[in-house]
């Protein structure tokens, strides 16, 4: 039985985690800036990061579906194991829904998403100011929901490490002993 995630899963996990932190921080920072060329540049970077995260999450999901993760400790109650699986799939759903909501919002607000400034993505909906405002609210709520879910995810990992003293956290750490 394998006890650790493989290098691909670990790399994608931490790359996505760091990207989410940076993109969330950028989103919070840029939202209160006055309209300027700098703000528009930051919005472009935020969109590039969002699209990139979307593709990384698709890669992570493809990897996850084709490679079984290590089993959760048998000492965990069945209900907690089930909750852990639901929580992981909720994280994946949020990580996919957020960039889609941002793309929809940009489309509705009349701002095309151009990945890395060279690859224009098609608008997903027609320009509609009211829909754009609604989608902005959806995007914000989804982001703060993901923030709460990530905090719970980190808290659960720390609980496993410091209270349960099992290997749930260490098997995802790149520097942990094999």
N, C-alpha and C. Protein backbone atom coordinates (compact mmCIF):
# COMPACT_ATOMS: atom_id res chain seq x y z
N UNK A 1 0.85 -1.17 0.00
CA UNK A 1 0.00 0.00 0.00
C UNK A 1 0.89 1.24 0.00
N UNK A 2 0.58 2.20 -0.86
CA UNK A 2 1.42 3.39 -0.90
C UNK A 2 0.99 4.35 0.21
N UNK A 3 1.97 5.01 0.78
CA UNK A 3 1.72 5.88 1.92
C UNK A 3 1.94 7.35 1.60
N UNK A 4 2.47 7.66 0.41
CA UNK A 4 2.73 9.04 0.01
C UNK A 4 2.12 9.33 -1.34
N UNK A 5 1.86 10.60 -1.57
CA UNK A 5 1.50 11.03 -2.92
C UNK A 5 2.78 11.01 -3.76
N UNK A 6 2.62 10.86 -5.07
CA UNK A 6 3.82 10.87 -5.92
C UNK A 6 4.23 12.31 -6.22
N UNK A 7 5.38 12.45 -6.84
CA UNK A 7 5.95 13.77 -7.08
C UNK A 7 5.04 14.66 -7.93
N UNK A 8 4.36 14.08 -8.91
CA UNK A 8 3.46 14.88 -9.75
C UNK A 8 2.32 15.45 -8.93
N UNK A 9 1.69 14.64 -8.11
CA UNK A 9 0.57 15.10 -7.28
C UNK A 9 1.04 16.16 -6.28
N UNK A 10 2.19 15.92 -5.66
CA UNK A 10 2.73 16.88 -4.69
C UNK A 10 3.04 18.20 -5.38
N UNK A 11 3.69 18.14 -6.54
CA UNK A 11 4.07 19.36 -7.27
C UNK A 11 2.83 20.15 -7.68
N UNK A 12 1.84 19.47 -8.24
CA UNK A 12 0.61 20.17 -8.64
C UNK A 12 -0.10 20.77 -7.43
N UNK A 13 -0.16 20.03 -6.33
CA UNK A 13 -0.82 20.52 -5.11
C UNK A 13 -0.20 21.84 -4.66
N UNK A 14 1.12 21.88 -4.53
CA UNK A 14 1.79 23.07 -4.01
C UNK A 14 1.84 24.19 -5.03
N UNK A 15 1.96 23.88 -6.31
CA UNK A 15 1.93 24.92 -7.34
C UNK A 15 0.55 25.60 -7.36
N UNK A 16 -0.50 24.80 -7.28
CA UNK A 16 -1.85 25.36 -7.26
C UNK A 16 -2.07 26.15 -5.97
N UNK A 17 -1.62 25.61 -4.83
CA UNK A 17 -1.79 26.30 -3.55
C UNK A 17 -1.13 27.68 -3.58
N UNK A 18 0.12 27.73 -4.02
CA UNK A 18 0.83 29.01 -4.07
C UNK A 18 0.19 29.96 -5.08
N UNK A 19 -0.27 29.42 -6.20
CA UNK A 19 -0.93 30.25 -7.22
C UNK A 19 -2.24 30.82 -6.69
N UNK A 20 -2.98 30.02 -5.95
CA UNK A 20 -4.23 30.50 -5.37
C UNK A 20 -3.98 31.63 -4.38
N UNK A 21 -2.98 31.47 -3.53
CA UNK A 21 -2.66 32.51 -2.55
C UNK A 21 -2.30 33.81 -3.26
N UNK A 22 -1.43 33.72 -4.25
CA UNK A 22 -1.02 34.92 -4.99
C UNK A 22 -2.16 35.57 -5.75
N UNK A 23 -2.98 34.76 -6.40
CA UNK A 23 -4.07 35.30 -7.20
C UNK A 23 -5.15 35.90 -6.31
N UNK A 24 -5.42 35.27 -5.18
CA UNK A 24 -6.40 35.82 -4.23
C UNK A 24 -5.89 37.16 -3.69
N UNK A 25 -4.63 37.19 -3.27
CA UNK A 25 -4.06 38.43 -2.74
C UNK A 25 -4.10 39.54 -3.79
N UNK A 26 -3.75 39.20 -5.03
CA UNK A 26 -3.79 40.19 -6.10
C UNK A 26 -5.22 40.68 -6.32
N UNK A 27 -6.18 39.77 -6.30
CA UNK A 27 -7.58 40.15 -6.48
C UNK A 27 -8.06 41.10 -5.41
N UNK A 28 -7.71 40.83 -4.17
CA UNK A 28 -8.11 41.72 -3.07
C UNK A 28 -7.43 43.07 -3.22
N UNK A 29 -6.14 43.06 -3.53
CA UNK A 29 -5.38 44.31 -3.67
C UNK A 29 -5.91 45.18 -4.80
N UNK A 30 -6.11 44.59 -5.97
CA UNK A 30 -6.43 45.39 -7.15
C UNK A 30 -7.87 45.92 -7.13
N UNK A 31 -8.74 45.27 -6.40
CA UNK A 31 -10.16 45.64 -6.46
C UNK A 31 -10.42 47.05 -5.94
N UNK A 32 -9.59 47.54 -5.02
CA UNK A 32 -9.82 48.88 -4.46
C UNK A 32 -8.98 49.97 -5.12
N UNK A 33 -8.18 49.61 -6.13
CA UNK A 33 -7.36 50.62 -6.80
C UNK A 33 -8.22 51.51 -7.70
N UNK A 34 -7.80 52.76 -7.83
CA UNK A 34 -8.45 53.66 -8.78
C UNK A 34 -8.13 53.19 -10.19
N UNK A 35 -9.04 53.48 -11.11
CA UNK A 35 -8.82 53.08 -12.51
C UNK A 35 -7.55 53.75 -13.03
N UNK A 36 -6.65 52.93 -13.54
CA UNK A 36 -5.38 53.43 -14.06
C UNK A 36 -4.79 52.34 -14.97
N UNK A 37 -3.77 52.69 -15.74
CA UNK A 37 -3.11 51.66 -16.53
C UNK A 37 -2.55 50.53 -15.66
N UNK A 38 -2.07 50.87 -14.46
CA UNK A 38 -1.55 49.84 -13.55
C UNK A 38 -2.65 48.88 -13.12
N UNK A 39 -3.83 49.41 -12.79
CA UNK A 39 -4.94 48.55 -12.39
C UNK A 39 -5.33 47.62 -13.53
N UNK A 40 -5.38 48.14 -14.74
CA UNK A 40 -5.73 47.30 -15.89
C UNK A 40 -4.69 46.20 -16.11
N UNK A 41 -3.41 46.55 -15.90
CA UNK A 41 -2.34 45.55 -16.03
C UNK A 41 -2.52 44.46 -14.97
N UNK A 42 -2.82 44.86 -13.73
CA UNK A 42 -3.02 43.88 -12.65
C UNK A 42 -4.23 42.99 -12.92
N UNK A 43 -5.30 43.57 -13.48
CA UNK A 43 -6.46 42.75 -13.84
C UNK A 43 -6.09 41.72 -14.90
N UNK A 44 -5.26 42.13 -15.85
CA UNK A 44 -4.81 41.18 -16.88
C UNK A 44 -4.01 40.05 -16.24
N UNK A 45 -3.09 40.40 -15.35
CA UNK A 45 -2.30 39.36 -14.66
C UNK A 45 -3.20 38.44 -13.86
N UNK A 46 -4.20 39.01 -13.20
CA UNK A 46 -5.13 38.21 -12.40
C UNK A 46 -5.88 37.22 -13.31
N UNK A 47 -6.30 37.69 -14.46
CA UNK A 47 -7.01 36.81 -15.40
C UNK A 47 -6.07 35.73 -15.93
N UNK A 48 -4.84 36.08 -16.25
CA UNK A 48 -3.87 35.09 -16.73
C UNK A 48 -3.68 34.01 -15.68
N UNK A 49 -3.51 34.46 -14.44
CA UNK A 49 -3.32 33.50 -13.35
C UNK A 49 -4.56 32.62 -13.19
N UNK A 50 -5.74 33.20 -13.27
CA UNK A 50 -6.97 32.43 -13.12
C UNK A 50 -7.11 31.35 -14.19
N UNK A 51 -6.82 31.71 -15.42
CA UNK A 51 -6.89 30.73 -16.52
C UNK A 51 -5.83 29.65 -16.31
N UNK A 52 -4.65 30.06 -15.90
CA UNK A 52 -3.56 29.09 -15.66
C UNK A 52 -3.93 28.13 -14.53
N UNK A 53 -4.49 28.67 -13.45
CA UNK A 53 -4.93 27.81 -12.34
C UNK A 53 -6.01 26.84 -12.82
N UNK A 54 -6.93 27.33 -13.63
CA UNK A 54 -7.98 26.46 -14.17
C UNK A 54 -7.36 25.26 -14.88
N UNK A 55 -6.37 25.51 -15.74
CA UNK A 55 -5.73 24.41 -16.46
C UNK A 55 -4.92 23.51 -15.53
N UNK A 56 -4.25 24.09 -14.55
CA UNK A 56 -3.52 23.28 -13.57
C UNK A 56 -4.48 22.37 -12.78
N UNK A 57 -5.63 22.90 -12.42
CA UNK A 57 -6.61 22.09 -11.68
C UNK A 57 -7.15 20.97 -12.57
N UNK A 58 -7.36 21.26 -13.85
CA UNK A 58 -7.77 20.18 -14.77
C UNK A 58 -6.70 19.10 -14.84
N UNK A 59 -5.43 19.50 -14.89
CA UNK A 59 -4.33 18.51 -14.88
C UNK A 59 -4.34 17.73 -13.57
N UNK A 60 -4.53 18.42 -12.47
CA UNK A 60 -4.54 17.76 -11.16
C UNK A 60 -5.70 16.78 -11.08
N UNK A 61 -6.85 17.16 -11.59
CA UNK A 61 -8.01 16.25 -11.59
C UNK A 61 -7.76 15.04 -12.47
N UNK A 62 -7.18 15.27 -13.65
CA UNK A 62 -6.86 14.14 -14.53
C UNK A 62 -5.90 13.19 -13.84
N UNK A 63 -4.91 13.74 -13.16
CA UNK A 63 -3.95 12.91 -12.44
C UNK A 63 -4.64 12.16 -11.31
N UNK A 64 -5.50 12.86 -10.60
CA UNK A 64 -6.20 12.28 -9.44
C UNK A 64 -7.11 11.13 -9.86
N UNK A 65 -7.77 11.29 -10.99
CA UNK A 65 -8.69 10.26 -11.47
C UNK A 65 -7.93 9.02 -11.96
N UNK A 66 -6.72 9.22 -12.47
CA UNK A 66 -5.96 8.10 -13.03
C UNK A 66 -4.92 7.52 -12.06
N UNK A 67 -4.75 8.15 -10.91
CA UNK A 67 -3.78 7.68 -9.91
C UNK A 67 -4.42 7.72 -8.53
N UNK A 68 -4.61 6.56 -7.95
CA UNK A 68 -5.24 6.49 -6.63
C UNK A 68 -4.37 7.19 -5.59
N UNK A 69 -5.00 8.03 -4.77
CA UNK A 69 -4.23 8.65 -3.68
C UNK A 69 -4.01 7.63 -2.57
N UNK A 70 -3.09 7.92 -1.67
CA UNK A 70 -2.90 7.02 -0.53
C UNK A 70 -4.19 6.95 0.29
N UNK A 71 -4.43 5.80 0.86
CA UNK A 71 -5.64 5.62 1.68
C UNK A 71 -5.53 6.46 2.95
N UNK A 72 -6.66 6.93 3.42
CA UNK A 72 -6.69 7.64 4.69
C UNK A 72 -6.46 6.63 5.82
N UNK A 73 -5.97 7.09 6.96
CA UNK A 73 -5.69 6.16 8.05
C UNK A 73 -6.93 5.37 8.47
N UNK A 74 -6.73 4.10 8.73
CA UNK A 74 -7.85 3.26 9.16
C UNK A 74 -8.36 3.64 10.53
N UNK A 75 -7.55 4.39 11.27
CA UNK A 75 -7.98 4.86 12.59
C UNK A 75 -9.01 5.98 12.49
N UNK A 76 -9.15 6.57 11.30
CA UNK A 76 -10.15 7.62 11.09
C UNK A 76 -11.53 7.00 11.03
N UNK A 77 -12.50 7.56 11.73
CA UNK A 77 -13.87 7.06 11.61
C UNK A 77 -14.36 7.16 10.16
N UNK A 78 -15.22 6.26 9.77
CA UNK A 78 -15.72 6.22 8.39
C UNK A 78 -16.37 7.54 7.98
N UNK A 79 -17.11 8.15 8.89
CA UNK A 79 -17.76 9.42 8.59
C UNK A 79 -16.77 10.52 8.31
N UNK A 80 -15.66 10.52 9.02
CA UNK A 80 -14.62 11.52 8.80
C UNK A 80 -13.90 11.28 7.48
N UNK A 81 -13.70 10.01 7.13
CA UNK A 81 -13.08 9.71 5.83
C UNK A 81 -13.99 10.20 4.71
N UNK A 82 -15.29 9.95 4.85
CA UNK A 82 -16.25 10.42 3.83
C UNK A 82 -16.24 11.94 3.74
N UNK A 83 -16.22 12.61 4.90
CA UNK A 83 -16.18 14.07 4.92
C UNK A 83 -14.91 14.59 4.24
N UNK A 84 -13.79 13.92 4.45
CA UNK A 84 -12.54 14.32 3.81
C UNK A 84 -12.66 14.23 2.28
N UNK A 85 -13.27 13.16 1.79
CA UNK A 85 -13.44 13.01 0.33
C UNK A 85 -14.36 14.10 -0.22
N UNK A 86 -15.45 14.36 0.47
CA UNK A 86 -16.38 15.41 0.03
C UNK A 86 -15.67 16.77 0.03
N UNK A 87 -14.89 17.04 1.07
CA UNK A 87 -14.18 18.31 1.16
C UNK A 87 -13.18 18.48 0.02
N UNK A 88 -12.46 17.41 -0.32
CA UNK A 88 -11.51 17.51 -1.43
C UNK A 88 -12.22 17.79 -2.75
N UNK A 89 -13.33 17.11 -3.01
CA UNK A 89 -14.05 17.35 -4.25
C UNK A 89 -14.68 18.75 -4.27
N UNK A 90 -15.07 19.25 -3.09
CA UNK A 90 -15.59 20.62 -3.01
C UNK A 90 -14.48 21.63 -3.34
N UNK A 91 -13.26 21.37 -2.87
CA UNK A 91 -12.14 22.24 -3.22
C UNK A 91 -11.91 22.25 -4.73
N UNK A 92 -11.93 21.07 -5.35
CA UNK A 92 -11.77 21.01 -6.80
C UNK A 92 -12.88 21.78 -7.51
N UNK A 93 -14.12 21.59 -7.07
CA UNK A 93 -15.26 22.28 -7.70
C UNK A 93 -15.10 23.79 -7.59
N UNK A 94 -14.70 24.27 -6.42
CA UNK A 94 -14.50 25.72 -6.25
C UNK A 94 -13.35 26.22 -7.11
N UNK A 95 -12.27 25.45 -7.19
CA UNK A 95 -11.12 25.89 -7.99
C UNK A 95 -11.43 25.93 -9.48
N UNK A 96 -12.44 25.21 -9.91
CA UNK A 96 -12.89 25.28 -11.30
C UNK A 96 -13.95 26.36 -11.48
N UNK A 97 -14.86 26.48 -10.51
CA UNK A 97 -15.97 27.44 -10.62
C UNK A 97 -15.48 28.88 -10.57
N UNK A 98 -14.44 29.15 -9.79
CA UNK A 98 -13.98 30.53 -9.63
C UNK A 98 -13.44 31.11 -10.94
N UNK A 99 -12.51 30.43 -11.65
CA UNK A 99 -12.07 31.02 -12.91
C UNK A 99 -13.20 31.10 -13.95
N UNK A 100 -14.10 30.14 -13.93
CA UNK A 100 -15.23 30.21 -14.87
C UNK A 100 -16.11 31.42 -14.54
N UNK A 101 -16.36 31.65 -13.25
CA UNK A 101 -17.18 32.81 -12.87
C UNK A 101 -16.47 34.11 -13.24
N UNK A 102 -15.15 34.14 -13.10
CA UNK A 102 -14.40 35.33 -13.51
C UNK A 102 -14.46 35.56 -15.01
N UNK A 103 -14.35 34.48 -15.76
CA UNK A 103 -14.43 34.57 -17.22
C UNK A 103 -15.82 35.02 -17.64
N UNK A 104 -16.84 34.44 -17.03
CA UNK A 104 -18.22 34.87 -17.31
C UNK A 104 -18.41 36.35 -16.97
N UNK A 105 -17.90 36.76 -15.81
CA UNK A 105 -18.01 38.15 -15.38
C UNK A 105 -17.34 39.08 -16.38
N UNK A 106 -16.11 38.74 -16.78
CA UNK A 106 -15.39 39.57 -17.76
C UNK A 106 -16.18 39.68 -19.06
N UNK A 107 -16.73 38.56 -19.50
CA UNK A 107 -17.53 38.57 -20.74
C UNK A 107 -18.73 39.48 -20.59
N UNK A 108 -19.46 39.34 -19.50
CA UNK A 108 -20.66 40.15 -19.28
C UNK A 108 -20.32 41.63 -19.14
N UNK A 109 -19.16 41.93 -18.60
CA UNK A 109 -18.76 43.33 -18.43
C UNK A 109 -18.11 43.91 -19.68
N UNK A 110 -17.94 43.07 -20.70
CA UNK A 110 -17.39 43.55 -21.98
C UNK A 110 -15.88 43.60 -22.04
N UNK A 111 -15.19 42.83 -21.16
CA UNK A 111 -13.74 42.78 -21.16
C UNK A 111 -13.29 41.38 -21.52
N UNK A 112 -12.78 41.22 -22.72
CA UNK A 112 -12.35 39.90 -23.16
C UNK A 112 -11.15 39.41 -22.35
N UNK A 113 -11.13 38.12 -22.08
CA UNK A 113 -9.99 37.50 -21.41
C UNK A 113 -8.98 37.11 -22.49
N UNK A 114 -7.76 37.61 -22.34
CA UNK A 114 -6.69 37.31 -23.29
C UNK A 114 -5.56 36.69 -22.48
N UNK A 115 -5.39 35.38 -22.63
CA UNK A 115 -4.43 34.63 -21.83
C UNK A 115 -3.01 35.02 -22.20
N UNK A 116 -2.27 35.52 -21.24
CA UNK A 116 -0.89 36.00 -21.40
C UNK A 116 -0.76 37.05 -22.49
N UNK A 117 -1.86 37.75 -22.75
CA UNK A 117 -1.83 38.84 -23.72
C UNK A 117 -1.74 38.41 -25.16
N UNK A 118 -1.79 37.10 -25.44
CA UNK A 118 -1.62 36.62 -26.81
C UNK A 118 -2.74 35.70 -27.29
N UNK A 119 -3.45 35.07 -26.36
CA UNK A 119 -4.47 34.10 -26.77
C UNK A 119 -5.85 34.56 -26.28
N UNK A 120 -6.60 35.24 -27.17
CA UNK A 120 -7.94 35.70 -26.76
C UNK A 120 -8.88 34.50 -26.57
N UNK A 121 -9.56 34.51 -25.45
CA UNK A 121 -10.54 33.46 -25.19
C UNK A 121 -11.91 33.99 -25.58
N UNK A 122 -12.78 33.14 -26.08
CA UNK A 122 -14.10 33.62 -26.52
C UNK A 122 -14.94 34.09 -25.33
N UNK A 123 -15.76 35.10 -25.59
CA UNK A 123 -16.70 35.53 -24.56
C UNK A 123 -17.72 34.41 -24.34
N UNK A 124 -18.05 34.18 -23.10
CA UNK A 124 -18.97 33.09 -22.76
C UNK A 124 -20.43 33.55 -22.74
N UNK A 125 -20.63 34.84 -22.52
CA UNK A 125 -21.98 35.42 -22.53
C UNK A 125 -21.89 36.78 -23.21
N UNK A 126 -23.05 37.26 -23.65
CA UNK A 126 -23.10 38.59 -24.26
C UNK A 126 -22.92 39.65 -23.19
N UNK A 127 -22.52 40.82 -23.63
CA UNK A 127 -22.34 41.95 -22.70
C UNK A 127 -23.68 42.28 -22.05
N UNK A 128 -23.67 42.34 -20.73
CA UNK A 128 -24.89 42.60 -19.96
C UNK A 128 -24.46 43.15 -18.61
N UNK A 129 -24.66 44.44 -18.40
CA UNK A 129 -24.17 45.11 -17.20
C UNK A 129 -24.73 44.48 -15.93
N UNK A 130 -26.03 44.22 -15.87
CA UNK A 130 -26.64 43.64 -14.67
C UNK A 130 -26.08 42.25 -14.39
N UNK A 131 -25.92 41.45 -15.44
CA UNK A 131 -25.34 40.12 -15.27
C UNK A 131 -23.90 40.22 -14.79
N UNK A 132 -23.16 41.21 -15.31
CA UNK A 132 -21.78 41.42 -14.89
C UNK A 132 -21.68 41.72 -13.41
N UNK A 133 -22.58 42.53 -12.89
CA UNK A 133 -22.60 42.86 -11.46
C UNK A 133 -22.93 41.61 -10.64
N UNK A 134 -23.91 40.85 -11.09
CA UNK A 134 -24.28 39.61 -10.40
C UNK A 134 -23.11 38.62 -10.39
N UNK A 135 -22.46 38.47 -11.54
CA UNK A 135 -21.35 37.53 -11.63
C UNK A 135 -20.14 38.00 -10.82
N UNK A 136 -19.98 39.30 -10.68
CA UNK A 136 -18.92 39.81 -9.81
C UNK A 136 -19.19 39.38 -8.36
N UNK A 137 -20.44 39.50 -7.94
CA UNK A 137 -20.80 39.05 -6.58
C UNK A 137 -20.58 37.55 -6.42
N UNK A 138 -20.97 36.79 -7.43
CA UNK A 138 -20.76 35.33 -7.40
C UNK A 138 -19.27 35.02 -7.29
N UNK A 139 -18.46 35.71 -8.09
CA UNK A 139 -17.01 35.49 -8.09
C UNK A 139 -16.43 35.78 -6.70
N UNK A 140 -16.86 36.86 -6.10
CA UNK A 140 -16.36 37.22 -4.77
C UNK A 140 -16.80 36.19 -3.73
N UNK A 141 -18.06 35.79 -3.74
CA UNK A 141 -18.56 34.81 -2.77
C UNK A 141 -17.84 33.47 -2.94
N UNK A 142 -17.64 33.03 -4.17
CA UNK A 142 -16.92 31.78 -4.40
C UNK A 142 -15.49 31.86 -3.88
N UNK A 143 -14.84 33.00 -4.07
CA UNK A 143 -13.47 33.16 -3.60
C UNK A 143 -13.38 33.09 -2.08
N UNK A 144 -14.28 33.77 -1.40
CA UNK A 144 -14.26 33.72 0.06
C UNK A 144 -14.70 32.36 0.59
N UNK A 145 -15.54 31.67 -0.16
CA UNK A 145 -15.91 30.30 0.21
C UNK A 145 -14.68 29.40 0.09
N UNK A 146 -13.92 29.57 -1.00
CA UNK A 146 -12.69 28.79 -1.15
C UNK A 146 -11.70 29.13 -0.05
N UNK A 147 -11.58 30.39 0.31
CA UNK A 147 -10.69 30.78 1.40
C UNK A 147 -11.05 30.02 2.67
N UNK A 148 -12.33 29.99 3.00
CA UNK A 148 -12.79 29.26 4.20
C UNK A 148 -12.49 27.77 4.07
N UNK A 149 -12.71 27.21 2.89
CA UNK A 149 -12.45 25.78 2.68
C UNK A 149 -10.96 25.48 2.79
N UNK A 150 -10.12 26.36 2.28
CA UNK A 150 -8.67 26.16 2.38
C UNK A 150 -8.22 26.25 3.83
N UNK A 151 -8.76 27.19 4.57
CA UNK A 151 -8.43 27.30 5.99
C UNK A 151 -8.82 26.02 6.72
N UNK A 152 -10.01 25.49 6.42
CA UNK A 152 -10.44 24.22 7.03
C UNK A 152 -9.52 23.07 6.61
N UNK A 153 -9.11 23.06 5.35
CA UNK A 153 -8.21 22.03 4.83
C UNK A 153 -6.87 22.06 5.57
N UNK A 154 -6.32 23.25 5.73
CA UNK A 154 -5.05 23.40 6.45
C UNK A 154 -5.22 23.01 7.92
N UNK A 155 -6.32 23.45 8.52
CA UNK A 155 -6.57 23.10 9.93
C UNK A 155 -6.68 21.59 10.10
N UNK A 156 -7.35 20.92 9.17
CA UNK A 156 -7.48 19.46 9.25
C UNK A 156 -6.11 18.79 9.11
N UNK A 157 -5.30 19.29 8.18
CA UNK A 157 -3.96 18.71 8.00
C UNK A 157 -3.12 18.90 9.26
N UNK A 158 -3.21 20.08 9.87
CA UNK A 158 -2.46 20.32 11.11
C UNK A 158 -2.98 19.47 12.26
N UNK A 159 -4.30 19.27 12.31
CA UNK A 159 -4.88 18.38 13.33
C UNK A 159 -4.33 16.97 13.18
N UNK A 160 -4.30 16.50 11.95
CA UNK A 160 -3.76 15.16 11.70
C UNK A 160 -2.30 15.06 12.16
N UNK A 161 -1.54 16.10 11.91
CA UNK A 161 -0.12 16.07 12.23
C UNK A 161 0.15 16.20 13.73
N UNK A 162 -0.48 17.19 14.36
CA UNK A 162 -0.14 17.50 15.75
C UNK A 162 -1.02 16.79 16.80
N UNK A 163 -2.25 16.46 16.45
CA UNK A 163 -3.14 15.82 17.42
C UNK A 163 -3.24 14.32 17.16
N UNK A 164 -3.59 13.96 15.92
CA UNK A 164 -3.74 12.54 15.59
C UNK A 164 -2.38 11.86 15.42
N UNK A 165 -1.37 12.64 15.10
CA UNK A 165 0.00 12.14 14.88
C UNK A 165 0.06 11.03 13.83
N UNK A 166 -0.67 11.26 12.73
CA UNK A 166 -0.60 10.30 11.62
C UNK A 166 0.16 10.95 10.47
N UNK A 167 0.21 10.28 9.32
CA UNK A 167 1.03 10.76 8.20
C UNK A 167 0.25 11.54 7.14
N UNK A 168 -0.98 11.95 7.44
CA UNK A 168 -1.81 12.61 6.43
C UNK A 168 -1.13 13.87 5.89
N UNK A 169 -0.54 14.68 6.74
CA UNK A 169 0.15 15.89 6.28
C UNK A 169 1.48 15.55 5.62
N UNK A 170 2.27 14.73 6.26
CA UNK A 170 3.64 14.49 5.77
C UNK A 170 3.66 13.82 4.39
N UNK A 171 2.64 13.08 4.04
CA UNK A 171 2.65 12.41 2.74
C UNK A 171 2.46 13.37 1.58
N UNK A 172 2.07 14.64 1.88
CA UNK A 172 1.92 15.66 0.84
C UNK A 172 3.06 16.69 0.89
N UNK A 173 3.95 16.56 1.86
CA UNK A 173 5.06 17.49 1.95
C UNK A 173 6.23 16.99 1.09
N UNK A 174 6.76 17.88 0.23
CA UNK A 174 7.82 17.43 -0.68
C UNK A 174 9.11 17.04 0.04
N UNK A 175 9.37 17.58 1.22
CA UNK A 175 10.62 17.29 1.93
C UNK A 175 10.51 16.18 2.96
N UNK A 176 9.28 15.65 3.16
CA UNK A 176 9.09 14.61 4.17
C UNK A 176 9.78 13.31 3.75
N UNK A 177 10.24 12.57 4.71
CA UNK A 177 10.92 11.29 4.43
C UNK A 177 9.97 10.33 3.75
N UNK A 178 10.53 9.57 2.83
CA UNK A 178 9.71 8.59 2.10
C UNK A 178 9.60 7.31 2.87
